[in-house]
Amino acid sequence: MIKITVCIGSACHLKGSRQVVEELQSLIAKSKYQDVIDLAGTFCLGKCQENGVSVSVDGIYYAVNPLKVEEFFNDVVIKTIKG
């Protein structure tokens, strides 16, 4: 099981966290990995200065642009699942 946590605090909300969450939900639903991904939200990951929405995948932090969620999903999430 991998844990994806998206910041939904005020700074990340302004950067597009809602779009990131909705796109991740859609990508997870379309993938064959629904059973191994746990998607959650949190109010702050402490990375507000980053240029993007703060997202943690198994404790590793990323700044995700709402327009590049699919690229992030394929390059980070799927690769993390596959090891």
N, C-alpha and C. Protein backbone atom coordinates (compact mmCIF):
# COMPACT_ATOMS: atom_id res chain seq x y z
N MET A 1 0.86 -1.19 0.00
CA MET A 1 0.00 0.00 0.00
C MET A 1 0.89 1.23 0.00
N ILE A 2 0.63 2.16 -0.92
CA ILE A 2 1.35 3.43 -0.87
C ILE A 2 0.38 4.53 -0.44
N LYS A 3 0.93 5.49 0.28
CA LYS A 3 0.13 6.58 0.83
C LYS A 3 0.46 7.86 0.08
N ILE A 4 -0.57 8.46 -0.53
CA ILE A 4 -0.45 9.76 -1.18
C ILE A 4 -1.22 10.75 -0.32
N THR A 5 -0.53 11.80 0.13
CA THR A 5 -1.16 12.83 0.95
C THR A 5 -1.04 14.16 0.22
N VAL A 6 -2.16 14.82 0.02
CA VAL A 6 -2.20 16.11 -0.67
C VAL A 6 -2.54 17.19 0.33
N CYS A 7 -1.74 18.26 0.33
CA CYS A 7 -2.04 19.40 1.19
C CYS A 7 -3.28 20.12 0.66
N ILE A 8 -4.22 20.38 1.55
CA ILE A 8 -5.41 21.13 1.17
C ILE A 8 -5.53 22.41 2.01
N GLY A 9 -4.40 22.80 2.60
CA GLY A 9 -4.36 24.04 3.38
C GLY A 9 -4.50 25.25 2.47
N SER A 10 -4.59 26.43 3.06
CA SER A 10 -4.91 27.63 2.29
C SER A 10 -3.89 27.94 1.20
N ALA A 11 -2.60 27.81 1.47
CA ALA A 11 -1.60 28.12 0.44
C ALA A 11 -1.71 27.16 -0.74
N CYS A 12 -1.84 25.88 -0.46
CA CYS A 12 -1.95 24.89 -1.55
C CYS A 12 -3.32 24.96 -2.22
N HIS A 13 -4.34 25.33 -1.47
CA HIS A 13 -5.66 25.51 -2.08
C HIS A 13 -5.58 26.57 -3.17
N LEU A 14 -4.88 27.65 -2.89
CA LEU A 14 -4.73 28.71 -3.89
C LEU A 14 -3.89 28.27 -5.08
N LYS A 15 -3.04 27.28 -4.88
CA LYS A 15 -2.19 26.76 -5.97
C LYS A 15 -2.89 25.66 -6.77
N GLY A 16 -4.10 25.23 -6.34
CA GLY A 16 -4.86 24.26 -7.10
C GLY A 16 -4.97 22.88 -6.50
N SER A 17 -4.93 22.77 -5.17
CA SER A 17 -4.99 21.44 -4.56
C SER A 17 -6.28 20.69 -4.88
N ARG A 18 -7.38 21.42 -5.03
CA ARG A 18 -8.64 20.73 -5.36
C ARG A 18 -8.53 20.02 -6.71
N GLN A 19 -7.95 20.68 -7.69
CA GLN A 19 -7.78 20.07 -9.01
C GLN A 19 -6.84 18.87 -8.93
N VAL A 20 -5.79 18.99 -8.11
CA VAL A 20 -4.85 17.88 -7.96
C VAL A 20 -5.56 16.68 -7.35
N VAL A 21 -6.33 16.89 -6.29
CA VAL A 21 -7.05 15.79 -5.65
C VAL A 21 -8.04 15.15 -6.62
N GLU A 22 -8.82 15.96 -7.32
CA GLU A 22 -9.82 15.42 -8.25
C GLU A 22 -9.17 14.64 -9.38
N GLU A 23 -8.06 15.14 -9.90
CA GLU A 23 -7.37 14.42 -10.98
C GLU A 23 -6.75 13.13 -10.47
N LEU A 24 -6.17 13.15 -9.28
CA LEU A 24 -5.63 11.92 -8.71
C LEU A 24 -6.73 10.89 -8.47
N GLN A 25 -7.88 11.34 -7.97
CA GLN A 25 -9.00 10.42 -7.77
C GLN A 25 -9.40 9.76 -9.08
N SER A 26 -9.46 10.55 -10.14
CA SER A 26 -9.83 10.03 -11.45
C SER A 26 -8.78 9.04 -11.98
N LEU A 27 -7.51 9.41 -11.87
CA LEU A 27 -6.44 8.53 -12.36
C LEU A 27 -6.38 7.23 -11.57
N ILE A 28 -6.57 7.32 -10.26
CA ILE A 28 -6.57 6.11 -9.44
C ILE A 28 -7.74 5.21 -9.83
N ALA A 29 -8.91 5.79 -10.03
CA ALA A 29 -10.10 5.01 -10.40
C ALA A 29 -9.92 4.31 -11.75
N LYS A 30 -9.22 4.95 -12.66
CA LYS A 30 -9.00 4.38 -14.00
C LYS A 30 -7.86 3.36 -14.02
N SER A 31 -7.02 3.38 -12.99
CA SER A 31 -5.86 2.49 -12.97
C SER A 31 -6.24 1.12 -12.42
N LYS A 32 -5.29 0.22 -12.50
CA LYS A 32 -5.50 -1.10 -11.92
C LYS A 32 -4.93 -1.18 -10.50
N TYR A 33 -4.62 -0.01 -9.94
CA TYR A 33 -3.95 0.04 -8.64
C TYR A 33 -4.81 0.61 -7.52
N GLN A 34 -6.12 0.65 -7.68
CA GLN A 34 -7.01 1.21 -6.65
C GLN A 34 -6.79 0.56 -5.29
N ASP A 35 -6.49 -0.72 -5.28
CA ASP A 35 -6.36 -1.46 -4.03
C ASP A 35 -5.05 -1.22 -3.31
N VAL A 36 -4.09 -0.57 -3.97
CA VAL A 36 -2.78 -0.37 -3.34
C VAL A 36 -2.45 1.11 -3.11
N ILE A 37 -3.40 2.00 -3.41
CA ILE A 37 -3.17 3.43 -3.22
C ILE A 37 -4.16 3.97 -2.18
N ASP A 38 -3.61 4.65 -1.19
CA ASP A 38 -4.40 5.31 -0.17
C ASP A 38 -4.22 6.81 -0.36
N LEU A 39 -5.27 7.51 -0.82
CA LEU A 39 -5.22 8.95 -1.07
C LEU A 39 -5.87 9.68 0.09
N ALA A 40 -5.16 10.67 0.65
CA ALA A 40 -5.68 11.42 1.78
C ALA A 40 -5.32 12.90 1.62
N GLY A 41 -5.98 13.72 2.41
CA GLY A 41 -5.68 15.15 2.45
C GLY A 41 -5.21 15.53 3.84
N THR A 42 -4.48 16.62 3.90
CA THR A 42 -4.01 17.15 5.17
C THR A 42 -3.97 18.67 5.07
N PHE A 43 -3.97 19.35 6.19
CA PHE A 43 -4.01 20.80 6.15
C PHE A 43 -2.67 21.46 5.96
N CYS A 44 -1.56 20.80 6.20
CA CYS A 44 -0.27 21.40 5.89
C CYS A 44 0.82 20.34 5.92
N LEU A 45 1.66 20.37 4.91
CA LEU A 45 2.82 19.49 4.87
C LEU A 45 4.10 20.28 5.16
N GLY A 46 3.96 21.57 5.44
CA GLY A 46 5.11 22.39 5.79
C GLY A 46 6.01 22.77 4.62
N LYS A 47 5.50 22.67 3.42
CA LYS A 47 6.29 22.97 2.21
C LYS A 47 5.64 24.10 1.41
N CYS A 48 5.08 25.06 2.11
CA CYS A 48 4.29 26.12 1.46
C CYS A 48 5.09 26.98 0.49
N GLN A 49 6.40 27.03 0.65
CA GLN A 49 7.23 27.86 -0.20
C GLN A 49 7.46 27.25 -1.59
N GLU A 50 7.10 26.00 -1.78
CA GLU A 50 7.31 25.33 -3.07
C GLU A 50 6.38 25.88 -4.15
N ASN A 51 6.78 25.74 -5.40
CA ASN A 51 5.99 26.23 -6.54
C ASN A 51 5.05 25.14 -7.02
N GLY A 52 4.07 24.82 -6.24
CA GLY A 52 3.09 23.81 -6.60
C GLY A 52 2.39 23.32 -5.35
N VAL A 53 1.46 22.45 -5.57
CA VAL A 53 0.72 21.85 -4.46
C VAL A 53 1.62 20.81 -3.79
N SER A 54 1.72 20.86 -2.48
CA SER A 54 2.54 19.90 -1.75
C SER A 54 1.85 18.54 -1.70
N VAL A 55 2.58 17.53 -2.16
CA VAL A 55 2.07 16.16 -2.19
C VAL A 55 3.17 15.25 -1.65
N SER A 56 2.78 14.34 -0.80
CA SER A 56 3.71 13.37 -0.25
C SER A 56 3.33 11.98 -0.77
N VAL A 57 4.33 11.25 -1.24
CA VAL A 57 4.14 9.85 -1.64
C VAL A 57 5.07 9.03 -0.77
N ASP A 58 4.49 8.28 0.13
CA ASP A 58 5.24 7.48 1.09
C ASP A 58 6.32 8.31 1.79
N GLY A 59 5.96 9.54 2.18
CA GLY A 59 6.87 10.38 2.95
C GLY A 59 7.85 11.21 2.15
N ILE A 60 7.85 11.08 0.83
CA ILE A 60 8.72 11.89 -0.02
C ILE A 60 7.87 13.01 -0.60
N TYR A 61 8.36 14.25 -0.49
CA TYR A 61 7.57 15.42 -0.86
C TYR A 61 7.82 15.86 -2.30
N TYR A 62 6.74 16.29 -2.95
CA TYR A 62 6.78 16.79 -4.31
C TYR A 62 5.93 18.05 -4.39
N ALA A 63 6.28 18.94 -5.31
CA ALA A 63 5.46 20.11 -5.62
C ALA A 63 4.80 19.80 -6.95
N VAL A 64 3.47 19.65 -6.95
CA VAL A 64 2.75 19.20 -8.14
C VAL A 64 1.94 20.34 -8.75
N ASN A 65 2.19 20.58 -10.01
CA ASN A 65 1.44 21.57 -10.78
C ASN A 65 0.10 20.94 -11.16
N PRO A 66 -1.02 21.62 -10.93
CA PRO A 66 -2.32 21.04 -11.27
C PRO A 66 -2.46 20.63 -12.74
N LEU A 67 -1.67 21.23 -13.62
CA LEU A 67 -1.73 20.88 -15.04
C LEU A 67 -0.89 19.66 -15.38
N LYS A 68 -0.11 19.17 -14.42
CA LYS A 68 0.80 18.05 -14.68
C LYS A 68 0.56 16.86 -13.75
N VAL A 69 -0.66 16.71 -13.29
CA VAL A 69 -0.97 15.63 -12.34
C VAL A 69 -0.79 14.26 -13.00
N GLU A 70 -1.24 14.12 -14.23
CA GLU A 70 -1.11 12.82 -14.90
C GLU A 70 0.36 12.44 -15.07
N GLU A 71 1.19 13.41 -15.43
CA GLU A 71 2.63 13.17 -15.55
C GLU A 71 3.21 12.75 -14.20
N PHE A 72 2.82 13.44 -13.13
CA PHE A 72 3.25 13.08 -11.78
C PHE A 72 2.79 11.66 -11.43
N PHE A 73 1.54 11.35 -11.72
CA PHE A 73 0.99 10.02 -11.40
C PHE A 73 1.81 8.93 -12.09
N ASN A 74 2.08 9.13 -13.38
CA ASN A 74 2.83 8.12 -14.14
C ASN A 74 4.31 8.05 -13.72
N ASP A 75 4.93 9.21 -13.53
CA ASP A 75 6.36 9.24 -13.24
C ASP A 75 6.71 8.92 -11.79
N VAL A 76 5.82 9.23 -10.86
CA VAL A 76 6.14 9.03 -9.45
C VAL A 76 5.31 7.90 -8.84
N VAL A 77 3.99 8.02 -8.93
CA VAL A 77 3.12 7.05 -8.24
C VAL A 77 3.26 5.65 -8.83
N ILE A 78 3.13 5.53 -10.13
CA ILE A 78 3.23 4.20 -10.76
C ILE A 78 4.61 3.61 -10.56
N LYS A 79 5.65 4.41 -10.69
CA LYS A 79 7.02 3.91 -10.48
C LYS A 79 7.23 3.47 -9.03
N THR A 80 6.61 4.18 -8.08
CA THR A 80 6.71 3.78 -6.68
C THR A 80 6.02 2.45 -6.44
N ILE A 81 4.88 2.26 -7.07
CA ILE A 81 4.16 0.98 -6.93
C ILE A 81 4.98 -0.16 -7.50
N LYS A 82 5.55 0.06 -8.67
CA LYS A 82 6.31 -1.00 -9.35
C LYS A 82 7.69 -1.24 -8.72
N GLY A 83 8.11 -0.31 -7.88
CA GLY A 83 9.38 -0.47 -7.18
C GLY A 83 10.52 -0.10 -8.04
